[in-house]
Every structure is written in structure tokens, then in C-alpha cells.
């Protein structure tokens, strides 16, 4: 399972989630091998998530994607078109939108690496892992561009480098650096682990309504 996921270039987060869902499915089927189960068991498992576990629609969809991947990609068994099954109701929410003053209030007490990571996320629209994995060569201060490599779906893309980050980012990514150094991550692994934890706490702060 893990080998096939990695060969298809899914993210480590997706791999972890899919493996967890497959384990849950096996337990649901009384430890029978998935090859001995089929559409009926998959449908029953998905319906249980919605009717008994009362999980969200997005969680049920993730479970469906994991089971579909297992049968179609790993076991080479077709589930066909799953007939109608009880789906979790998708909630309709009013989005929380941070105003510029709210963003400033979040960033103001931060310092060092965590401040830079959070400013990247808000200013350049990066996901946390993307902000942490930027390499020196990915920063183009002259054109005000950041290159994100291996983003969601293992796709590269370019995005803007905010004016407020130009000086801080270009200091760490000088064009005069040798290529071997420019290929390194801007942040070390130890610093990245610390910033990931702290940045998760900061970005989880609710916006004012």
C-alpha cells in the first residue's frame, strides 16, 4: 500500500490518512483481507461513518478515496460504480475572513523564524509545509517571485513574493551563493520541526467574527 502511494507521488499526509482508513476498514470487516470483501462491505463501512460515527462529509469522502485507491490501484480490483449510500450532510458555514488589522495583530507578537513562516503563509498564500520547505533557489527577489516545488498534487507553481518579505527572504537567498548551497532548504530540519508546531498553533487561532 505504502509503496504504491509513494510511486504515485501522493503526499506523506495523504499516505498517513489512507493507511489509517485501510486499517479501520480491515477492523470493520472483522480482520478479513480486503480481497475477501467487496462493494457491499465498502458501502456498509461508508454508511456507518455517516449514520453511527456521525463524521463530516469531507471525512467520509476521504475514506471513500482511500478505499477506492486500495481496490483500484493496489489490489487491481474494480469496485465499479458504488450505488447510492447514506452520505454525511455537508454543513454550510459562513467563512471566517481575517481583516488586515487581524493579520497584523496575529503577526505582531511573533519573532524569528515563526514570524517569517507565518508571513509567508499569509502574504504568499502558501500551505504550512510549502512555507517550511522552500529552498534558497526558490526565491527570486528581483522578480518578486517564489517557486513552490512539489505542492499539492506534486505540482510546482509560482506565486508572488510580498514586498514586506523581499529583504528578509533575499538576505537568505543571495544569487551569489554556490549552487550546492542554493539547493538547500532555507530552514534546517530541527528549526522546521519547531516552527511547524508553533505555526500550527498560530494559524489555528480563530478570526474575529
C-alpha atoms as a PDB file:
ATOM      1  CA  UNK A   1       0.000   0.000   0.000  1.00  0.00           C
ATOM      2  CA  UNK A   2       2.671   2.493   1.047  1.00  0.00           C
ATOM      3  CA  UNK A   3       4.844   1.583  -1.943  1.00  0.00           C
ATOM      4  CA  UNK A   4       2.043   2.207  -4.444  1.00  0.00           C
ATOM      5  CA  UNK A   5       1.147   5.527  -2.778  1.00  0.00           C
ATOM      6  CA  UNK A   6       4.743   6.712  -2.995  1.00  0.00           C
ATOM      7  CA  UNK A   7       5.069   5.604  -6.613  1.00  0.00           C
ATOM      8  CA  UNK A   8       2.048   7.770  -7.447  1.00  0.00           C
ATOM      9  CA  UNK A   9       3.693  10.719  -5.642  1.00  0.00           C
ATOM     10  CA  UNK A  10       0.989  11.287  -3.056  1.00  0.00           C
ATOM     11  CA  UNK A  11       1.975  13.478  -0.127  1.00  0.00           C
ATOM     12  CA  UNK A  12       3.105  11.942   3.203  1.00  0.00           C
ATOM     13  CA  UNK A  13      -0.033  13.385   4.804  1.00  0.00           C
ATOM     14  CA  UNK A  14      -2.253  11.592   2.286  1.00  0.00           C
ATOM     15  CA  UNK A  15      -0.284   8.370   2.771  1.00  0.00           C
ATOM     16  CA  UNK A  16      -0.783   8.519   6.529  1.00  0.00           C
ATOM     17  CA  UNK A  17      -4.521   9.179   6.164  1.00  0.00           C
ATOM     18  CA  UNK A  18      -5.088   6.437   3.572  1.00  0.00           C
ATOM     19  CA  UNK A  19      -3.211   3.814   5.605  1.00  0.00           C
ATOM     20  CA  UNK A  20      -5.267   4.727   8.686  1.00  0.00           C
ATOM     21  CA  UNK A  21      -8.526   4.334   6.742  1.00  0.00           C
ATOM     22  CA  UNK A  22      -7.481   0.951   5.329  1.00  0.00           C
ATOM     23  CA  UNK A  23      -6.682  -0.296   8.825  1.00  0.00           C
ATOM     24  CA  UNK A  24     -10.062   0.923  10.021  1.00  0.00           C
ATOM     25  CA  UNK A  25     -11.771  -0.833   7.119  1.00  0.00           C
ATOM     26  CA  UNK A  26      -9.992  -4.127   7.908  1.00  0.00           C
ATOM     27  CA  UNK A  27     -11.136  -3.904  11.536  1.00  0.00           C
ATOM     28  CA  UNK A  28     -14.666  -3.113  10.331  1.00  0.00           C
ATOM     29  CA  UNK A  29     -14.565  -6.323   8.269  1.00  0.00           C
ATOM     30  CA  UNK A  30     -13.539  -8.411  11.302  1.00  0.00           C
ATOM     31  CA  UNK A  31      -9.894  -8.580  10.168  1.00  0.00           C
ATOM     32  CA  UNK A  32     -10.710 -10.140   6.805  1.00  0.00           C
ATOM     33  CA  UNK A  33      -8.374  -9.298   3.941  1.00  0.00           C
ATOM     34  CA  UNK A  34      -9.865  -6.624   1.650  1.00  0.00           C
ATOM     35  CA  UNK A  35      -9.671  -9.086  -1.266  1.00  0.00           C
ATOM     36  CA  UNK A  36     -12.360 -11.128   0.505  1.00  0.00           C
ATOM     37  CA  UNK A  37     -14.582  -8.083   0.812  1.00  0.00           C
ATOM     38  CA  UNK A  38     -16.303  -6.090  -1.851  1.00  0.00           C
ATOM     39  CA  UNK A  39     -18.772  -3.386  -2.740  1.00  0.00           C
ATOM     40  CA  UNK A  40     -21.256  -4.381  -0.047  1.00  0.00           C
ATOM     41  CA  UNK A  41     -18.667  -4.056   2.751  1.00  0.00           C
ATOM     42  CA  UNK A  42     -17.346  -0.765   1.366  1.00  0.00           C
ATOM     43  CA  UNK A  43     -20.859   0.680   1.192  1.00  0.00           C
ATOM     44  CA  UNK A  44     -21.699  -0.518   4.694  1.00  0.00           C
ATOM     45  CA  UNK A  45     -18.482   0.941   6.104  1.00  0.00           C
ATOM     46  CA  UNK A  46     -19.096   4.323   4.490  1.00  0.00           C
ATOM     47  CA  UNK A  47     -22.684   4.415   5.712  1.00  0.00           C
ATOM     48  CA  UNK A  48     -21.539   3.598   9.248  1.00  0.00           C
ATOM     49  CA  UNK A  49     -19.266   6.646   9.183  1.00  0.00           C
ATOM     50  CA  UNK A  50     -22.241   8.870   8.415  1.00  0.00           C
ATOM     51  CA  UNK A  51     -25.024   7.267  10.470  1.00  0.00           C
ATOM     52  CA  UNK A  52     -23.258   5.913  13.563  1.00  0.00           C
ATOM     53  CA  UNK A  53     -19.934   7.744  13.829  1.00  0.00           C
ATOM     54  CA  UNK A  54     -21.576  10.980  12.598  1.00  0.00           C
ATOM     55  CA  UNK A  55     -18.467  12.111  10.750  1.00  0.00           C
ATOM     56  CA  UNK A  56     -18.386  15.043   8.347  1.00  0.00           C
ATOM     57  CA  UNK A  57     -18.922  14.781   4.600  1.00  0.00           C
ATOM     58  CA  UNK A  58     -15.267  15.592   3.883  1.00  0.00           C
ATOM     59  CA  UNK A  59     -14.120  12.807   6.222  1.00  0.00           C
ATOM     60  CA  UNK A  60     -16.460  10.320   4.557  1.00  0.00           C
ATOM     61  CA  UNK A  61     -15.168  11.401   1.144  1.00  0.00           C
ATOM     62  CA  UNK A  62     -11.581  10.857   2.293  1.00  0.00           C
ATOM     63  CA  UNK A  63     -12.475   7.340   3.429  1.00  0.00           C
ATOM     64  CA  UNK A  64     -14.112   6.675   0.054  1.00  0.00           C
ATOM     65  CA  UNK A  65     -10.999   7.919  -1.767  1.00  0.00           C
ATOM     66  CA  UNK A  66      -8.754   5.688   0.366  1.00  0.00           C
ATOM     67  CA  UNK A  67     -10.868   2.572  -0.253  1.00  0.00           C
ATOM     68  CA  UNK A  68     -11.160   3.342  -3.941  1.00  0.00           C
ATOM     69  CA  UNK A  69      -7.362   3.698  -4.146  1.00  0.00           C
ATOM     70  CA  UNK A  70      -6.885   0.405  -2.305  1.00  0.00           C
ATOM     71  CA  UNK A  71      -9.096  -1.601  -4.640  1.00  0.00           C
ATOM     72  CA  UNK A  72      -8.332   0.125  -7.936  1.00  0.00           C
ATOM     73  CA  UNK A  73      -4.602   0.865  -7.577  1.00  0.00           C
ATOM     74  CA  UNK A  74      -3.275  -1.673  -5.074  1.00  0.00           C
ATOM     75  CA  UNK A  75      -5.444  -4.786  -5.477  1.00  0.00           C
ATOM     76  CA  UNK A  76      -6.371  -4.123  -9.115  1.00  0.00           C
ATOM     77  CA  UNK A  77      -9.994  -4.928  -8.313  1.00  0.00           C
ATOM     78  CA  UNK A  78     -12.764  -2.756  -9.655  1.00  0.00           C
ATOM     79  CA  UNK A  79     -15.441  -1.524  -7.281  1.00  0.00           C
ATOM     80  CA  UNK A  80     -17.484  -0.393 -10.245  1.00  0.00           C
ATOM     81  CA  UNK A  81     -19.956   2.378  -9.612  1.00  0.00           C
ATOM     82  CA  UNK A  82     -20.983   2.345  -5.976  1.00  0.00           C
ATOM     83  CA  UNK A  83     -24.743   2.506  -5.783  1.00  0.00           C
ATOM     84  CA  UNK A  84     -26.343   5.143  -3.603  1.00  0.00           C
ATOM     85  CA  UNK A  85     -25.311   5.022   0.031  1.00  0.00           C
ATOM     86  CA  UNK A  86     -26.057   7.228   3.010  1.00  0.00           C
ATOM     87  CA  UNK A  87     -23.858  10.290   2.767  1.00  0.00           C
ATOM     88  CA  UNK A  88     -22.959  12.659   5.569  1.00  0.00           C
ATOM     89  CA  UNK A  89     -24.672  16.001   5.202  1.00  0.00           C
ATOM     90  CA  UNK A  90     -22.301  18.731   4.132  1.00  0.00           C
ATOM     91  CA  UNK A  91     -22.507  21.655   6.528  1.00  0.00           C
ATOM     92  CA  UNK A  92     -22.930  25.169   5.160  1.00  0.00           C
ATOM     93  CA  UNK A  93     -20.660  27.578   7.010  1.00  0.00           C
ATOM     94  CA  UNK A  94     -20.045  31.292   6.874  1.00  0.00           C
ATOM     95  CA  UNK A  95     -16.315  31.729   6.164  1.00  0.00           C
ATOM     96  CA  UNK A  96     -14.073  33.462   8.650  1.00  0.00           C
ATOM     97  CA  UNK A  97     -12.130  36.190   6.894  1.00  0.00           C
ATOM     98  CA  UNK A  98      -9.215  37.967   8.539  1.00  0.00           C
ATOM     99  CA  UNK A  99      -9.061  41.716   8.012  1.00  0.00           C
ATOM    100  CA  UNK A 100      -5.641  43.379   7.593  1.00  0.00           C
ATOM    101  CA  UNK A 101      -5.787  44.568  11.199  1.00  0.00           C
ATOM    102  CA  UNK A 102      -6.475  40.991  12.373  1.00  0.00           C
ATOM    103  CA  UNK A 103      -3.485  39.680  10.410  1.00  0.00           C
ATOM    104  CA  UNK A 104      -1.264  42.402  11.878  1.00  0.00           C
ATOM    105  CA  UNK A 105      -2.444  41.511  15.396  1.00  0.00           C
ATOM    106  CA  UNK A 106      -1.546  37.835  14.835  1.00  0.00           C
ATOM    107  CA  UNK A 107       1.897  38.561  13.393  1.00  0.00           C
ATOM    108  CA  UNK A 108       2.935  41.407  15.718  1.00  0.00           C
ATOM    109  CA  UNK A 109       3.906  39.271  18.773  1.00  0.00           C
ATOM    110  CA  UNK A 110       5.836  36.737  16.673  1.00  0.00           C
ATOM    111  CA  UNK A 111       9.566  36.803  16.108  1.00  0.00           C
ATOM    112  CA  UNK A 112      12.333  34.973  14.304  1.00  0.00           C
ATOM    113  CA  UNK A 113      11.603  32.009  12.092  1.00  0.00           C
ATOM    114  CA  UNK A 114       7.987  31.570  13.168  1.00  0.00           C
ATOM    115  CA  UNK A 115       7.215  35.159  12.188  1.00  0.00           C
ATOM    116  CA  UNK A 116       8.786  34.647   8.766  1.00  0.00           C
ATOM    117  CA  UNK A 117       6.892  31.387   8.184  1.00  0.00           C
ATOM    118  CA  UNK A 118       3.529  32.888   9.127  1.00  0.00           C
ATOM    119  CA  UNK A 119       4.192  35.954   6.965  1.00  0.00           C
ATOM    120  CA  UNK A 120       4.950  33.622   4.049  1.00  0.00           C
ATOM    121  CA  UNK A 121       1.673  31.810   4.550  1.00  0.00           C
ATOM    122  CA  UNK A 122      -0.452  34.948   4.721  1.00  0.00           C
ATOM    123  CA  UNK A 123       1.490  37.018   2.211  1.00  0.00           C
ATOM    124  CA  UNK A 124       2.196  34.412  -0.471  1.00  0.00           C
ATOM    125  CA  UNK A 125      -0.740  32.050   0.067  1.00  0.00           C
ATOM    126  CA  UNK A 126       1.462  29.083   0.972  1.00  0.00           C
ATOM    127  CA  UNK A 127       0.458  25.987   2.883  1.00  0.00           C
ATOM    128  CA  UNK A 128       2.450  25.308   6.037  1.00  0.00           C
ATOM    129  CA  UNK A 129       4.583  22.541   4.524  1.00  0.00           C
ATOM    130  CA  UNK A 130       5.230  24.672   1.435  1.00  0.00           C
ATOM    131  CA  UNK A 131       6.392  27.595   3.559  1.00  0.00           C
ATOM    132  CA  UNK A 132       8.737  25.347   5.527  1.00  0.00           C
ATOM    133  CA  UNK A 133      10.231  23.504   2.556  1.00  0.00           C
ATOM    134  CA  UNK A 134      11.276  26.496   0.420  1.00  0.00           C
ATOM    135  CA  UNK A 135      14.850  26.287  -0.802  1.00  0.00           C
ATOM    136  CA  UNK A 136      17.269  29.140  -1.341  1.00  0.00           C
ATOM    137  CA  UNK A 137      17.000  28.815  -5.127  1.00  0.00           C
ATOM    138  CA  UNK A 138      13.194  29.163  -4.940  1.00  0.00           C
ATOM    139  CA  UNK A 139      13.401  32.847  -4.000  1.00  0.00           C
ATOM    140  CA  UNK A 140      13.656  35.406  -6.810  1.00  0.00           C
ATOM    141  CA  UNK A 141      13.856  38.812  -5.119  1.00  0.00           C
ATOM    142  CA  UNK A 142      14.400  40.670  -8.380  1.00  0.00           C
ATOM    143  CA  UNK A 143      11.147  39.493  -9.961  1.00  0.00           C
ATOM    144  CA  UNK A 144       9.324  39.187  -6.599  1.00  0.00           C
ATOM    145  CA  UNK A 145       8.541  35.509  -7.205  1.00  0.00           C
ATOM    146  CA  UNK A 146       8.561  32.371  -5.044  1.00  0.00           C
ATOM    147  CA  UNK A 147       8.713  28.926  -6.659  1.00  0.00           C
ATOM    148  CA  UNK A 148       6.817  26.227  -4.789  1.00  0.00           C
ATOM    149  CA  UNK A 149       8.070  22.760  -5.640  1.00  0.00           C
ATOM    150  CA  UNK A 150       6.109  19.557  -5.124  1.00  0.00           C
ATOM    151  CA  UNK A 151       2.989  21.273  -3.793  1.00  0.00           C
ATOM    152  CA  UNK A 152      -0.452  19.709  -3.608  1.00  0.00           C
ATOM    153  CA  UNK A 153      -0.775  17.009  -6.229  1.00  0.00           C
ATOM    154  CA  UNK A 154       3.036  17.043  -6.537  1.00  0.00           C
ATOM    155  CA  UNK A 155       2.771  20.117  -8.772  1.00  0.00           C
ATOM    156  CA  UNK A 156       5.146  23.058  -8.965  1.00  0.00           C
ATOM    157  CA  UNK A 157       3.848  26.600  -9.151  1.00  0.00           C
ATOM    158  CA  UNK A 158       4.991  30.190  -8.830  1.00  0.00           C
ATOM    159  CA  UNK A 159       3.459  32.795  -6.573  1.00  0.00           C
ATOM    160  CA  UNK A 160       4.161  36.363  -5.559  1.00  0.00           C
ATOM    161  CA  UNK A 161       6.808  37.400  -3.062  1.00  0.00           C
ATOM    162  CA  UNK A 162       5.257  40.188  -0.941  1.00  0.00           C
ATOM    163  CA  UNK A 163       7.161  43.470  -0.705  1.00  0.00           C
ATOM    164  CA  UNK A 164       7.323  43.122   3.087  1.00  0.00           C
ATOM    165  CA  UNK A 165       9.244  39.844   2.717  1.00  0.00           C
ATOM    166  CA  UNK A 166      11.648  40.795  -0.052  1.00  0.00           C
ATOM    167  CA  UNK A 167      14.516  41.938   2.165  1.00  0.00           C
ATOM    168  CA  UNK A 168      14.269  39.096   4.686  1.00  0.00           C
ATOM    169  CA  UNK A 169      13.952  36.410   2.009  1.00  0.00           C
ATOM    170  CA  UNK A 170      16.646  37.721  -0.348  1.00  0.00           C
ATOM    171  CA  UNK A 171      19.134  38.020   2.509  1.00  0.00           C
ATOM    172  CA  UNK A 172      18.830  34.271   2.987  1.00  0.00           C
ATOM    173  CA  UNK A 173      18.817  33.535  -0.739  1.00  0.00           C
ATOM    174  CA  UNK A 174      21.648  35.538  -2.275  1.00  0.00           C
ATOM    175  CA  UNK A 175      22.149  34.831  -6.017  1.00  0.00           C
ATOM    176  CA  UNK A 176      25.907  34.782  -5.375  1.00  0.00           C
ATOM    177  CA  UNK A 177      25.646  31.575  -3.334  1.00  0.00           C
ATOM    178  CA  UNK A 178      27.149  28.410  -4.889  1.00  0.00           C
ATOM    179  CA  UNK A 179      24.529  26.091  -6.422  1.00  0.00           C
ATOM    180  CA  UNK A 180      25.055  23.427  -3.751  1.00  0.00           C
ATOM    181  CA  UNK A 181      24.112  25.925  -1.058  1.00  0.00           C
ATOM    182  CA  UNK A 182      21.253  27.404  -3.084  1.00  0.00           C
ATOM    183  CA  UNK A 183      19.708  23.907  -3.305  1.00  0.00           C
ATOM    184  CA  UNK A 184      19.486  23.658   0.462  1.00  0.00           C
ATOM    185  CA  UNK A 185      16.389  24.439   2.457  1.00  0.00           C
ATOM    186  CA  UNK A 186      16.336  27.896   3.983  1.00  0.00           C
ATOM    187  CA  UNK A 187      15.476  26.409   7.376  1.00  0.00           C
ATOM    188  CA  UNK A 188      17.229  23.436   8.994  1.00  0.00           C
ATOM    189  CA  UNK A 189      15.256  20.286   9.868  1.00  0.00           C
ATOM    190  CA  UNK A 190      15.408  20.999  13.600  1.00  0.00           C
ATOM    191  CA  UNK A 191      14.216  24.573  13.111  1.00  0.00           C
ATOM    192  CA  UNK A 192      11.495  23.366  10.731  1.00  0.00           C
ATOM    193  CA  UNK A 193      10.096  20.930  13.300  1.00  0.00           C
ATOM    194  CA  UNK A 194       9.879  23.667  15.917  1.00  0.00           C
ATOM    195  CA  UNK A 195       8.322  26.153  13.508  1.00  0.00           C
ATOM    196  CA  UNK A 196       5.776  23.605  12.276  1.00  0.00           C
ATOM    197  CA  UNK A 197       4.432  23.142  15.799  1.00  0.00           C
ATOM    198  CA  UNK A 198       4.402  26.855  16.642  1.00  0.00           C
ATOM    199  CA  UNK A 199       2.973  27.914  13.270  1.00  0.00           C
ATOM    200  CA  UNK A 200       0.158  25.353  13.558  1.00  0.00           C
ATOM    201  CA  UNK A 201      -0.830  26.939  16.858  1.00  0.00           C
ATOM    202  CA  UNK A 202      -0.727  30.445  15.378  1.00  0.00           C
ATOM    203  CA  UNK A 203      -2.664  29.632  12.188  1.00  0.00           C
ATOM    204  CA  UNK A 204      -5.310  27.762  14.189  1.00  0.00           C
ATOM    205  CA  UNK A 205      -6.263  30.973  16.004  1.00  0.00           C
ATOM    206  CA  UNK A 206      -9.899  31.864  15.142  1.00  0.00           C
ATOM    207  CA  UNK A 207     -10.655  35.067  13.295  1.00  0.00           C
ATOM    208  CA  UNK A 208     -12.865  37.684  14.820  1.00  0.00           C
ATOM    209  CA  UNK A 209     -16.428  37.490  13.592  1.00  0.00           C
END
